[in-house]
C-alpha cells in the first residue's frame, strides 16, 4: 500500500510540475543517491546546467548512455528517466548507466520543441555525414563527444515522443531483429499499440513497419554517435502524445528503458 501511495504522489507531482527542472534534478539525485554517481556539467543554458550523471566506478560493467529531453514539447522522457532510475536500483548496480536528464533545458521549460533562438537540438550531420553548424544545445553535447561515446560504449538510448501519433515505435540503429528490440516492443505493447505501418513525413521521410524504423539515416545525435564510436545498438523510443496521458507515456518509456538496459547487459543479440 505504501508503494502505491508513493507512486500516486509521484505522478501527481509530474502533472502539477511537468516543467520544473529543479524538481526533476532533485528527483534524479534522490533516485541515485545510494548508487555512487558523479555529476559532470557539460554546459549551461541561461542559468541552468546541462548535467551528465555517471557512475563513479565503472568496473567491467556494460556501459550505456541514456539521453532525455532533447525536444521541449516532449516532457515524458525526462520523467520516464526518473521512474526508471527509481524502480531499477538493483539493475543499476549491474550496468554502468550514464544519463542526461534534459539535453534541451530551454525547450523543457518553455514547451518549445527547439532550443534557444530556435536552434535544432537533435540535428548533427550534413548529407555527407559531416558535423554541421550546431545549435548551442547540440554544441554542448558535441564538445564532450569523446566522453559521451565512452559512456555509450555498449548502447545508446534516447527518450522521445511523437505528438502526431496515437501509437508508439522505435528508431533502431543496429540489429532491429535482436532480442533486446523484440523485448522492448513487447514491453511497449503493454501500454500502447504500434503506430500504423507506412511512410511518414513528420520531420523527415521514414518508413515504419511493425513498430520499428530501421537504420534510418536522419543526421541525428544518435546517428552521429553510432558512426563516430561504432556503438553496437542505439534505440530512440517514440511514445505517442496524441490522446495519451503523460503518466501512461512515462510508464511505457520507463518500462522499455529497463528492458533495453537489461538486454544490453545480457547481450543485445542473445
Protein backbone atom coordinates (compact mmCIF):
# COMPACT_ATOMS: atom_id res chain seq x y z
CA UNK A 1 0.00 0.00 0.00
CA UNK A 2 2.86 2.37 0.86
CA UNK A 3 4.40 1.80 -2.58
CA UNK A 4 1.10 2.67 -4.26
CA UNK A 5 0.80 5.90 -2.29
CA UNK A 6 4.35 6.92 -3.22
CA UNK A 7 3.65 6.19 -6.88
CA UNK A 8 0.44 8.23 -6.85
CA UNK A 9 2.24 11.15 -5.21
CA UNK A 10 5.00 10.98 -7.82
CA UNK A 11 2.51 11.01 -10.70
CA UNK A 12 0.61 13.90 -9.13
CA UNK A 13 3.85 15.84 -8.82
CA UNK A 14 4.64 15.31 -12.50
CA UNK A 15 1.19 16.51 -13.50
CA UNK A 16 1.43 19.62 -11.34
CA UNK A 17 5.08 20.41 -12.11
CA UNK A 18 5.81 18.93 -15.55
CA UNK A 19 8.19 21.77 -16.39
CA UNK A 20 10.21 22.16 -13.19
CA UNK A 21 13.86 21.45 -13.97
CA UNK A 22 14.89 21.89 -10.34
CA UNK A 23 12.23 19.41 -9.25
CA UNK A 24 13.35 16.93 -11.87
CA UNK A 25 17.00 17.16 -10.84
CA UNK A 26 16.01 16.75 -7.20
CA UNK A 27 14.15 13.54 -8.05
CA UNK A 28 17.09 12.28 -10.12
CA UNK A 29 19.54 12.91 -7.30
CA UNK A 30 17.25 11.16 -4.81
CA UNK A 31 16.98 8.16 -7.13
CA UNK A 32 20.75 7.63 -7.46
CA UNK A 33 21.81 8.85 -4.01
CA UNK A 34 22.85 5.36 -2.88
CA UNK A 35 24.39 4.24 -6.16
CA UNK A 36 27.62 6.24 -6.25
CA UNK A 37 27.04 8.71 -9.09
CA UNK A 38 29.07 11.78 -10.02
CA UNK A 39 27.75 14.85 -11.85
CA UNK A 40 29.52 16.44 -14.80
CA UNK A 41 28.32 19.84 -16.04
CA UNK A 42 28.50 19.72 -19.83
CA UNK A 43 27.49 23.35 -20.35
CA UNK A 44 24.96 25.96 -19.37
CA UNK A 45 21.72 27.22 -20.89
CA UNK A 46 20.86 30.51 -19.23
CA UNK A 47 21.10 29.95 -15.50
CA UNK A 48 20.74 26.17 -15.74
CA UNK A 49 23.36 23.49 -16.28
CA UNK A 50 23.13 20.55 -18.67
CA UNK A 51 24.28 17.71 -16.43
CA UNK A 52 25.53 14.22 -17.16
CA UNK A 53 25.28 11.69 -14.33
CA UNK A 54 27.81 8.85 -14.43
CA UNK A 55 28.74 6.05 -12.00
CA UNK A 56 31.92 6.87 -10.12
CA UNK A 57 33.09 3.29 -10.54
CA UNK A 58 32.56 1.62 -13.93
CA UNK A 59 34.42 -1.64 -13.45
CA UNK A 60 33.86 -4.20 -16.19
CA UNK A 61 30.14 -3.45 -16.46
CA UNK A 62 28.46 -2.76 -19.78
CA UNK A 63 28.24 0.98 -20.49
CA UNK A 64 25.00 2.63 -21.61
CA UNK A 65 24.12 6.28 -22.16
CA UNK A 66 20.51 7.46 -21.84
CA UNK A 67 19.55 10.91 -23.16
CA UNK A 68 16.20 12.58 -22.45
CA UNK A 69 14.60 15.94 -23.11
CA UNK A 70 16.12 16.85 -26.47
CA UNK A 71 12.79 18.24 -27.71
CA UNK A 72 10.87 20.61 -25.48
CA UNK A 73 7.33 19.58 -26.41
CA UNK A 74 8.14 16.01 -25.32
CA UNK A 75 8.08 16.16 -21.50
CA UNK A 76 7.51 12.48 -20.68
CA UNK A 77 11.07 11.36 -21.47
CA UNK A 78 12.78 13.12 -18.54
CA UNK A 79 10.12 11.94 -16.09
CA UNK A 80 10.31 8.42 -17.52
CA UNK A 81 14.03 8.52 -16.77
CA UNK A 82 13.25 9.40 -13.14
CA UNK A 83 10.82 6.49 -12.91
CA UNK A 84 13.31 4.11 -14.49
CA UNK A 85 16.05 5.15 -12.05
CA UNK A 86 13.75 4.89 -9.04
CA UNK A 87 12.41 1.44 -9.90
CA UNK A 88 15.56 -0.32 -11.12
CA UNK A 89 18.08 0.10 -8.33
CA UNK A 90 19.42 -3.47 -8.48
CA UNK A 91 19.78 -3.33 -12.26
CA UNK A 92 21.72 -0.07 -11.99
CA UNK A 93 24.26 -1.85 -9.79
CA UNK A 94 24.97 -4.29 -12.60
CA UNK A 95 25.21 -1.88 -15.56
CA UNK A 96 27.13 1.40 -15.86
CA UNK A 97 24.24 3.62 -16.94
CA UNK A 98 25.14 7.26 -17.55
CA UNK A 99 22.40 9.72 -18.39
CA UNK A 100 21.49 13.28 -19.30
CA UNK A 101 18.08 14.09 -17.76
CA UNK A 102 17.40 17.10 -20.01
CA UNK A 103 19.52 17.97 -23.04
CA UNK A 104 17.35 20.93 -24.10
CA UNK A 105 16.62 22.93 -20.96
CA UNK A 106 15.12 25.90 -22.80
CA UNK A 107 12.66 23.61 -24.53
CA UNK A 108 11.83 21.69 -21.39
CA UNK A 109 10.97 24.87 -19.51
CA UNK A 110 9.13 26.60 -22.36
CA UNK A 111 7.46 23.57 -24.01
CA UNK A 112 9.01 24.71 -27.31
CA UNK A 113 10.49 21.97 -29.46
CA UNK A 114 13.77 23.66 -30.29
CA UNK A 115 16.48 25.33 -28.26
CA UNK A 116 17.36 28.95 -27.66
CA UNK A 117 16.80 31.02 -30.79
CA UNK A 118 15.03 28.13 -32.48
CA UNK A 119 18.18 26.05 -32.83
CA UNK A 120 17.75 22.39 -33.80
CA UNK A 121 18.79 20.35 -30.80
CA UNK A 122 18.95 16.90 -32.42
CA UNK A 123 20.41 17.76 -35.84
CA UNK A 124 24.13 16.96 -36.10
CA UNK A 125 25.10 15.70 -39.56
CA UNK A 126 25.06 17.08 -43.08
CA UNK A 127 24.08 14.85 -46.01
CA UNK A 128 27.73 13.88 -46.47
CA UNK A 129 27.96 12.92 -42.77
CA UNK A 130 29.99 15.89 -41.59
CA UNK A 131 29.17 17.80 -38.42
CA UNK A 132 27.01 20.78 -39.37
CA UNK A 133 26.84 24.19 -37.67
CA UNK A 134 25.24 23.26 -34.37
CA UNK A 135 22.77 24.92 -32.04
CA UNK A 136 24.00 25.85 -28.58
CA UNK A 137 22.36 22.77 -27.09
CA UNK A 138 23.82 20.44 -29.70
CA UNK A 139 27.26 22.07 -29.40
CA UNK A 140 27.28 21.36 -25.67
CA UNK A 141 26.91 17.66 -26.43
CA UNK A 142 29.46 17.75 -29.25
CA UNK A 143 32.02 19.47 -27.03
CA UNK A 144 32.01 16.27 -24.95
CA UNK A 145 31.58 13.77 -27.77
CA UNK A 146 34.50 11.52 -26.83
CA UNK A 147 33.35 11.35 -23.24
CA UNK A 148 29.76 10.60 -24.27
CA UNK A 149 30.98 7.97 -26.69
CA UNK A 150 32.78 6.21 -23.85
CA UNK A 151 29.59 6.36 -21.76
CA UNK A 152 27.67 4.76 -24.65
CA UNK A 153 30.24 2.08 -25.48
CA UNK A 154 27.69 -0.77 -25.38
CA UNK A 155 24.43 1.03 -26.07
CA UNK A 156 22.66 4.36 -26.54
CA UNK A 157 19.04 5.05 -25.61
CA UNK A 158 17.14 8.25 -26.40
CA UNK A 159 13.73 9.05 -24.91
CA UNK A 160 11.45 10.96 -27.28
CA UNK A 161 7.75 11.36 -28.07
CA UNK A 162 5.69 11.80 -31.24
CA UNK A 163 2.94 14.40 -30.92
CA UNK A 164 1.42 13.33 -34.24
CA UNK A 165 0.84 9.75 -33.16
CA UNK A 166 -1.52 7.62 -31.07
CA UNK A 167 0.86 4.66 -31.25
CA UNK A 168 4.47 4.07 -30.22
CA UNK A 169 7.51 2.99 -32.22
CA UNK A 170 11.29 2.70 -32.08
CA UNK A 171 14.09 4.08 -34.22
CA UNK A 172 16.77 1.38 -34.24
CA UNK A 173 20.36 1.78 -35.38
CA UNK A 174 21.78 -1.73 -35.32
CA UNK A 175 20.07 -5.11 -35.43
CA UNK A 176 16.34 -4.44 -35.31
CA UNK A 177 15.70 -8.17 -35.06
CA UNK A 178 17.74 -8.59 -31.88
CA UNK A 179 16.16 -9.87 -28.71
CA UNK A 180 16.51 -6.54 -26.93
CA UNK A 181 14.45 -4.78 -29.62
CA UNK A 182 11.80 -7.50 -29.68
CA UNK A 183 11.53 -7.33 -25.89
CA UNK A 184 11.23 -3.54 -25.96
CA UNK A 185 8.39 -3.80 -28.46
CA UNK A 186 6.63 -6.32 -26.24
CA UNK A 187 7.04 -4.05 -23.21
CA UNK A 188 5.68 -1.07 -25.12
CA UNK A 189 2.69 -3.06 -26.37
CA UNK A 190 1.53 -3.48 -22.78
CA UNK A 191 0.80 0.26 -22.82
CA UNK A 192 0.12 1.32 -26.43
CA UNK A 193 -0.41 -0.13 -29.88
CA UNK A 194 2.18 0.38 -32.59
CA UNK A 195 1.98 3.45 -34.76
CA UNK A 196 0.42 2.30 -38.02
CA UNK A 197 2.79 0.94 -40.67
CA UNK A 198 3.55 3.28 -43.53
CA UNK A 199 5.76 6.01 -44.94
CA UNK A 200 5.67 9.21 -42.88
CA UNK A 201 6.93 12.74 -43.28
CA UNK A 202 6.68 14.16 -39.75
CA UNK A 203 10.09 15.85 -39.87
CA UNK A 204 11.97 13.74 -42.39
CA UNK A 205 10.54 10.93 -44.51
CA UNK A 206 10.82 7.49 -42.93
CA UNK A 207 9.28 4.04 -43.30
CA UNK A 208 7.71 2.38 -40.28
CA UNK A 209 6.97 -1.34 -40.08
CA UNK A 210 5.92 -3.42 -37.07
CA UNK A 211 6.83 -0.67 -34.64
CA UNK A 212 10.35 -0.10 -35.97
CA UNK A 213 12.11 2.44 -38.17
CA UNK A 214 15.22 0.52 -39.13
CA UNK A 215 18.68 2.07 -39.59
CA UNK A 216 17.30 5.41 -40.65
CA UNK A 217 19.96 7.99 -41.51
CA UNK A 218 18.42 11.18 -40.18
CA UNK A 219 21.52 13.18 -39.24
CA UNK A 220 20.59 12.97 -35.57
CA UNK A 221 22.73 12.91 -32.45
CA UNK A 222 22.18 9.15 -32.34
CA UNK A 223 23.43 8.59 -35.88
CA UNK A 224 26.45 10.82 -35.29
CA UNK A 225 27.33 8.86 -32.15
CA UNK A 226 26.95 5.48 -33.84
CA UNK A 227 29.08 6.50 -36.82
CA UNK A 228 31.81 8.05 -34.68
CA UNK A 229 32.07 5.38 -31.98
CA UNK A 230 30.69 2.22 -33.59
CA UNK A 231 28.07 1.79 -30.88
CA UNK A 232 26.51 -1.67 -31.40
CA UNK A 233 22.92 -0.61 -30.80
CA UNK A 234 21.11 2.71 -30.46
CA UNK A 235 17.37 2.97 -29.89
CA UNK A 236 15.13 6.01 -29.77
CA UNK A 237 11.79 5.45 -28.05
CA UNK A 238 8.89 7.42 -29.52
CA UNK A 239 5.85 7.31 -27.23
CA UNK A 240 2.54 8.73 -28.53
CA UNK A 241 1.40 12.13 -27.29
CA UNK A 242 -1.99 12.25 -29.02
CA UNK A 243 -4.80 11.18 -26.69
CA UNK A 244 -2.30 9.68 -24.25
CA UNK A 245 -1.93 10.86 -20.65
CA UNK A 246 1.57 11.79 -19.54
CA UNK A 247 1.55 9.17 -16.77
CA UNK A 248 0.91 6.44 -19.36
CA UNK A 249 3.71 7.70 -21.60
CA UNK A 250 6.05 7.84 -18.61
CA UNK A 251 5.23 4.26 -17.64
CA UNK A 252 5.69 2.96 -21.18
CA UNK A 253 9.01 4.71 -21.77
CA UNK A 254 10.36 3.68 -18.37
CA UNK A 255 9.40 0.05 -18.96
CA UNK A 256 11.10 -0.02 -22.35
CA UNK A 257 14.20 1.66 -20.92
CA UNK A 258 14.50 -1.08 -18.30
CA UNK A 259 14.21 -3.74 -20.99
CA UNK A 260 16.87 -2.03 -23.10
CA UNK A 261 19.35 -1.80 -20.22
CA UNK A 262 18.75 -5.39 -19.14
CA UNK A 263 19.01 -6.60 -22.73
CA UNK A 264 22.31 -4.84 -23.37
CA UNK A 265 23.63 -6.22 -20.08
CA UNK A 266 22.74 -9.75 -21.18
CA UNK A 267 23.87 -9.23 -24.77
CA UNK A 268 21.84 -7.41 -27.44
CA UNK A 269 21.97 -10.39 -29.80
CA UNK A 270 21.13 -13.01 -27.17
